[in-house]
Amino acid sequence: MPHYDMIVIGSGPSGQRAAVQAAKLGKAVAICERRELVGGVCVNTGTIPSKTFREGALYLSGFIQRGIYGQSYFVKENITMADLVSRCNMVIEREVDIIRHQMQRNQVVVIDGMARFLSDQELEITSENSRIQITADNIVIAVGTESAHPTEAHIDGRKVVTADEVLDMPELPRTMTVVGGGVVGMEYASIFAALGVEVTIVDARKGLLEFLDGEMVDSLIYHMRD
């Protein structure tokens, strides 16, 4: 049975840093990831894809240049999800390759599969084609988070999606309702509005982005309505 000084469950930013730092200190380290690609939500469905999606939307819609060329200006008319997602996929592939190279360079073993505790120092890792057991002196849990949604909501990945499935939508909708006025909700609402989608934001709280200065939020809401 393979034994390591440390096993990290989850290959997102926290898991990566923990694994690499331990490896640099001369420890035998393995990192376990249940997704097909390393990097966690940050690389695959969250921060990096959303920012790449935003930049693609701003460029193709001509949004930034409209102050010069007028509100009817578009770099590309009839923008499709394929136009926007193609660039996202390129960036994701590059980032995943960088992370895998970093793991190899620091001699961190990457194990694909779902980890389950058998004891305080023993894990069973199950993938589509295998099931192995490994032990470690220390185990770091860095599994990240998942999008929260009402249990009665039917997430079909087409008409109803969470932030994790936005980039999988087959086409740009004509209208969109965003439930939740937090950072992620406001970001996607503004992106799709720039693409010409009619967007409505629904939030149960008294105000949007309550952790920010009130005048900044009021200014943001004004410009989003405009």
Foldseek 3Di string as FASTA:
>chain_A
DAEWQEEEEAQAPVSLVVQLVCLVVVTAYEYEYADPFHHACCLQQDVQLLVQLLVQLCQQLVVVVCVPVNPNDGNDPPDKLCSRVVRSVVRSVVVRVVSVVSCVVSVYHYHYADWDDPDQFKIWGDDPVDIDMYGHSYYHYDHDDDDDDDPPDDDPLEQHHDSRSPSVHRTQDQEEEQEAQEPSSLSVLQSSVSVNHHYHYHYPDPAHHVVDDPVVRVVSVVVSVD
